[in-house]
């Protein structure tokens, strides 16, 4: 795509290019490492307000969560939680998987709620994450169940 190639060569064009990319352009850029700048985390001001977060495409929200999990895991979890009720199941599953970075027991309440979602992808992502941290309620229950046999 000539537009992505031009903006890769001239970084000053990037801020103008990203807003005009449609879903295909966003998808295409995810297939070429040279165009990874398209999916770079948006500025904090964009993520800081609920309207900015809610309007971002799922791919950019996932990038933002991964980035925030390194510095502020609670903020990343709060952003995910802020649109949880309105996000489609596919987006929930994709975004839930991003919690892996910086996973802690503080994530258990959101992950437990994810188990109530009927979509298999969401439940599967929640189970995988709930099984990871030592001391999580699910790990404790599974260990207790194994000892009781």
C-alpha atoms as a PDB file:
ATOM      1  CA  UNK A   1       0.000   0.000   0.000  1.00  0.00           C
ATOM      2  CA  UNK A   2       1.736   3.183  -1.172  1.00  0.00           C
ATOM      3  CA  UNK A   3       0.293   5.313   1.631  1.00  0.00           C
ATOM      4  CA  UNK A   4       1.783   3.090   4.350  1.00  0.00           C
ATOM      5  CA  UNK A   5       5.101   2.906   2.525  1.00  0.00           C
ATOM      6  CA  UNK A   6       5.265   6.701   2.189  1.00  0.00           C
ATOM      7  CA  UNK A   7       4.426   7.272   5.862  1.00  0.00           C
ATOM      8  CA  UNK A   8       6.994   4.673   6.913  1.00  0.00           C
ATOM      9  CA  UNK A   9       9.659   6.615   5.023  1.00  0.00           C
ATOM     10  CA  UNK A  10       8.398  10.003   6.288  1.00  0.00           C
ATOM     11  CA  UNK A  11       7.372   9.718   9.968  1.00  0.00           C
ATOM     12  CA  UNK A  12       5.919  13.234   9.946  1.00  0.00           C
ATOM     13  CA  UNK A  13       3.070  11.879   7.771  1.00  0.00           C
ATOM     14  CA  UNK A  14       2.026   9.134  10.191  1.00  0.00           C
ATOM     15  CA  UNK A  15      -0.348  11.204  12.328  1.00  0.00           C
ATOM     16  CA  UNK A  16      -2.286  12.100   9.186  1.00  0.00           C
ATOM     17  CA  UNK A  17      -2.319   8.552   7.775  1.00  0.00           C
ATOM     18  CA  UNK A  18      -3.589   6.545  10.757  1.00  0.00           C
ATOM     19  CA  UNK A  19      -7.029   8.206  10.969  1.00  0.00           C
ATOM     20  CA  UNK A  20      -7.805   7.511   7.297  1.00  0.00           C
ATOM     21  CA  UNK A  21      -7.005   3.810   7.370  1.00  0.00           C
ATOM     22  CA  UNK A  22     -10.053   1.614   7.187  1.00  0.00           C
ATOM     23  CA  UNK A  23     -10.243  -1.928   8.607  1.00  0.00           C
ATOM     24  CA  UNK A  24      -8.418  -3.362   5.591  1.00  0.00           C
ATOM     25  CA  UNK A  25      -5.619  -0.843   5.900  1.00  0.00           C
ATOM     26  CA  UNK A  26      -5.304  -1.578   9.594  1.00  0.00           C
ATOM     27  CA  UNK A  27      -5.298  -5.326   8.921  1.00  0.00           C
ATOM     28  CA  UNK A  28      -2.766  -4.981   6.115  1.00  0.00           C
ATOM     29  CA  UNK A  29      -0.447  -2.940   8.305  1.00  0.00           C
ATOM     30  CA  UNK A  30      -0.498  -5.685  10.946  1.00  0.00           C
ATOM     31  CA  UNK A  31       0.957  -8.087   8.348  1.00  0.00           C
ATOM     32  CA  UNK A  32       4.089  -6.059   7.643  1.00  0.00           C
ATOM     33  CA  UNK A  33       6.554  -5.396  10.497  1.00  0.00           C
ATOM     34  CA  UNK A  34       7.715  -2.198   8.774  1.00  0.00           C
ATOM     35  CA  UNK A  35       4.218  -0.799   9.285  1.00  0.00           C
ATOM     36  CA  UNK A  36       3.979  -1.665  12.999  1.00  0.00           C
ATOM     37  CA  UNK A  37       3.872   2.061  13.793  1.00  0.00           C
ATOM     38  CA  UNK A  38       0.178   1.989  12.750  1.00  0.00           C
ATOM     39  CA  UNK A  39      -0.621  -0.098  15.824  1.00  0.00           C
ATOM     40  CA  UNK A  40       1.595   1.788  18.261  1.00  0.00           C
ATOM     41  CA  UNK A  41      -0.114   2.732  21.495  1.00  0.00           C
ATOM     42  CA  UNK A  42      -2.179   5.900  21.116  1.00  0.00           C
ATOM     43  CA  UNK A  43      -1.281   8.879  23.264  1.00  0.00           C
ATOM     44  CA  UNK A  44      -2.364   8.652  26.897  1.00  0.00           C
ATOM     45  CA  UNK A  45      -4.919  11.420  26.349  1.00  0.00           C
ATOM     46  CA  UNK A  46      -6.727   9.182  23.860  1.00  0.00           C
ATOM     47  CA  UNK A  47      -6.815   6.289  26.304  1.00  0.00           C
ATOM     48  CA  UNK A  48      -7.507   8.372  29.348  1.00  0.00           C
ATOM     49  CA  UNK A  49     -11.086   9.256  28.550  1.00  0.00           C
ATOM     50  CA  UNK A  50     -13.729   6.594  28.136  1.00  0.00           C
ATOM     51  CA  UNK A  51     -14.883   8.019  24.810  1.00  0.00           C
ATOM     52  CA  UNK A  52     -11.394   7.794  23.331  1.00  0.00           C
ATOM     53  CA  UNK A  53     -10.894   4.240  24.557  1.00  0.00           C
ATOM     54  CA  UNK A  54     -14.318   3.071  23.421  1.00  0.00           C
ATOM     55  CA  UNK A  55     -13.855   4.480  19.929  1.00  0.00           C
ATOM     56  CA  UNK A  56     -10.527   2.759  19.261  1.00  0.00           C
ATOM     57  CA  UNK A  57     -10.524  -0.397  17.132  1.00  0.00           C
ATOM     58  CA  UNK A  58      -9.909  -3.600  19.077  1.00  0.00           C
ATOM     59  CA  UNK A  59      -6.387  -4.007  17.660  1.00  0.00           C
ATOM     60  CA  UNK A  60      -5.317  -0.591  18.952  1.00  0.00           C
ATOM     61  CA  UNK A  61      -6.990  -1.204  22.300  1.00  0.00           C
ATOM     62  CA  UNK A  62      -5.043  -4.461  22.610  1.00  0.00           C
ATOM     63  CA  UNK A  63      -1.771  -2.645  21.866  1.00  0.00           C
ATOM     64  CA  UNK A  64      -2.634  -0.030  24.469  1.00  0.00           C
ATOM     65  CA  UNK A  65      -3.473  -2.606  27.129  1.00  0.00           C
ATOM     66  CA  UNK A  66      -0.223  -4.488  26.508  1.00  0.00           C
ATOM     67  CA  UNK A  67       1.684  -1.243  26.854  1.00  0.00           C
ATOM     68  CA  UNK A  68      -0.153  -0.136  29.996  1.00  0.00           C
ATOM     69  CA  UNK A  69       0.196  -3.543  31.662  1.00  0.00           C
ATOM     70  CA  UNK A  70       3.940  -2.885  31.902  1.00  0.00           C
ATOM     71  CA  UNK A  71       3.556   0.409  33.761  1.00  0.00           C
ATOM     72  CA  UNK A  72       0.023   0.568  35.165  1.00  0.00           C
ATOM     73  CA  UNK A  73      -1.777  -2.811  35.170  1.00  0.00           C
ATOM     74  CA  UNK A  74      -4.726  -1.471  37.159  1.00  0.00           C
ATOM     75  CA  UNK A  75      -5.385   1.297  34.628  1.00  0.00           C
ATOM     76  CA  UNK A  76      -5.265  -1.219  31.782  1.00  0.00           C
ATOM     77  CA  UNK A  77      -7.737  -3.461  33.601  1.00  0.00           C
ATOM     78  CA  UNK A  78     -10.019  -0.498  34.345  1.00  0.00           C
ATOM     79  CA  UNK A  79     -10.053   0.517  30.676  1.00  0.00           C
ATOM     80  CA  UNK A  80     -10.942  -3.017  29.640  1.00  0.00           C
ATOM     81  CA  UNK A  81     -13.625  -3.156  32.299  1.00  0.00           C
ATOM     82  CA  UNK A  82     -15.098   0.195  31.213  1.00  0.00           C
ATOM     83  CA  UNK A  83     -16.405  -1.241  27.937  1.00  0.00           C
ATOM     84  CA  UNK A  84     -16.749  -4.885  28.956  1.00  0.00           C
ATOM     85  CA  UNK A  85     -20.551  -4.857  28.904  1.00  0.00           C
ATOM     86  CA  UNK A  86     -20.756  -3.425  25.387  1.00  0.00           C
ATOM     87  CA  UNK A  87     -17.818  -5.114  23.665  1.00  0.00           C
ATOM     88  CA  UNK A  88     -18.665  -8.006  21.342  1.00  0.00           C
ATOM     89  CA  UNK A  89     -17.496 -11.456  22.458  1.00  0.00           C
ATOM     90  CA  UNK A  90     -14.644 -11.620  19.939  1.00  0.00           C
ATOM     91  CA  UNK A  91     -13.255  -8.310  21.196  1.00  0.00           C
ATOM     92  CA  UNK A  92     -13.642  -9.439  24.804  1.00  0.00           C
ATOM     93  CA  UNK A  93     -11.649 -12.609  24.117  1.00  0.00           C
ATOM     94  CA  UNK A  94      -8.885 -10.707  22.288  1.00  0.00           C
ATOM     95  CA  UNK A  95      -8.646  -8.016  24.945  1.00  0.00           C
ATOM     96  CA  UNK A  96      -8.801 -10.484  27.817  1.00  0.00           C
ATOM     97  CA  UNK A  97      -5.773 -12.301  26.418  1.00  0.00           C
ATOM     98  CA  UNK A  98      -3.756  -9.074  26.707  1.00  0.00           C
ATOM     99  CA  UNK A  99      -4.015  -9.260  30.492  1.00  0.00           C
ATOM    100  CA  UNK A 100      -1.360 -11.965  30.456  1.00  0.00           C
ATOM    101  CA  UNK A 101       1.332  -9.304  30.759  1.00  0.00           C
ATOM    102  CA  UNK A 102       1.438  -8.282  34.399  1.00  0.00           C
ATOM    103  CA  UNK A 103      -1.162 -10.875  35.407  1.00  0.00           C
ATOM    104  CA  UNK A 104      -1.920 -10.791  39.120  1.00  0.00           C
ATOM    105  CA  UNK A 105      -4.516 -11.781  41.663  1.00  0.00           C
ATOM    106  CA  UNK A 106      -6.018  -8.293  41.211  1.00  0.00           C
ATOM    107  CA  UNK A 107      -7.278  -9.509  37.819  1.00  0.00           C
ATOM    108  CA  UNK A 108      -9.293 -12.371  39.358  1.00  0.00           C
ATOM    109  CA  UNK A 109     -12.614 -10.480  39.691  1.00  0.00           C
ATOM    110  CA  UNK A 110     -12.657  -9.483  36.007  1.00  0.00           C
ATOM    111  CA  UNK A 111     -11.566 -12.962  34.946  1.00  0.00           C
ATOM    112  CA  UNK A 112     -14.240 -14.553  37.129  1.00  0.00           C
ATOM    113  CA  UNK A 113     -16.876 -12.358  35.460  1.00  0.00           C
ATOM    114  CA  UNK A 114     -15.543 -13.463  32.090  1.00  0.00           C
ATOM    115  CA  UNK A 115     -16.455 -17.035  32.998  1.00  0.00           C
ATOM    116  CA  UNK A 116     -20.110 -15.951  33.000  1.00  0.00           C
ATOM    117  CA  UNK A 117     -19.915 -14.913  29.341  1.00  0.00           C
ATOM    118  CA  UNK A 118     -21.438 -17.598  27.145  1.00  0.00           C
ATOM    119  CA  UNK A 119     -18.881 -17.263  24.356  1.00  0.00           C
ATOM    120  CA  UNK A 120     -16.395 -20.129  24.393  1.00  0.00           C
ATOM    121  CA  UNK A 121     -13.502 -17.878  23.346  1.00  0.00           C
ATOM    122  CA  UNK A 122     -14.044 -15.567  26.311  1.00  0.00           C
ATOM    123  CA  UNK A 123     -14.409 -18.446  28.757  1.00  0.00           C
ATOM    124  CA  UNK A 124     -11.329 -20.175  27.339  1.00  0.00           C
ATOM    125  CA  UNK A 125      -9.212 -17.035  27.671  1.00  0.00           C
ATOM    126  CA  UNK A 126     -10.435 -16.541  31.238  1.00  0.00           C
ATOM    127  CA  UNK A 127      -9.681 -20.164  32.197  1.00  0.00           C
ATOM    128  CA  UNK A 128      -6.160 -19.965  30.751  1.00  0.00           C
ATOM    129  CA  UNK A 129      -5.441 -16.805  32.718  1.00  0.00           C
ATOM    130  CA  UNK A 130      -7.108 -17.925  35.938  1.00  0.00           C
ATOM    131  CA  UNK A 131      -5.000 -21.091  35.960  1.00  0.00           C
ATOM    132  CA  UNK A 132      -1.717 -19.167  35.833  1.00  0.00           C
ATOM    133  CA  UNK A 133      -1.132 -17.151  38.985  1.00  0.00           C
ATOM    134  CA  UNK A 134      -0.197 -19.188  42.048  1.00  0.00           C
ATOM    135  CA  UNK A 135      -2.666 -18.472  44.800  1.00  0.00           C
ATOM    136  CA  UNK A 136      -5.569 -17.598  42.517  1.00  0.00           C
ATOM    137  CA  UNK A 137      -8.949 -18.762  43.734  1.00  0.00           C
ATOM    138  CA  UNK A 138      -9.293 -21.153  40.791  1.00  0.00           C
ATOM    139  CA  UNK A 139      -5.819 -22.655  41.295  1.00  0.00           C
ATOM    140  CA  UNK A 140      -6.558 -23.073  44.985  1.00  0.00           C
ATOM    141  CA  UNK A 141      -9.899 -24.799  44.258  1.00  0.00           C
ATOM    142  CA  UNK A 142      -8.313 -27.109  41.687  1.00  0.00           C
ATOM    143  CA  UNK A 143      -5.493 -28.010  44.059  1.00  0.00           C
ATOM    144  CA  UNK A 144      -7.970 -28.647  46.875  1.00  0.00           C
ATOM    145  CA  UNK A 145     -10.075 -30.827  44.626  1.00  0.00           C
ATOM    146  CA  UNK A 146      -7.029 -32.833  43.577  1.00  0.00           C
ATOM    147  CA  UNK A 147      -5.976 -33.452  47.218  1.00  0.00           C
ATOM    148  CA  UNK A 148      -9.499 -34.529  48.163  1.00  0.00           C
ATOM    149  CA  UNK A 149      -9.462 -37.470  45.729  1.00  0.00           C
END
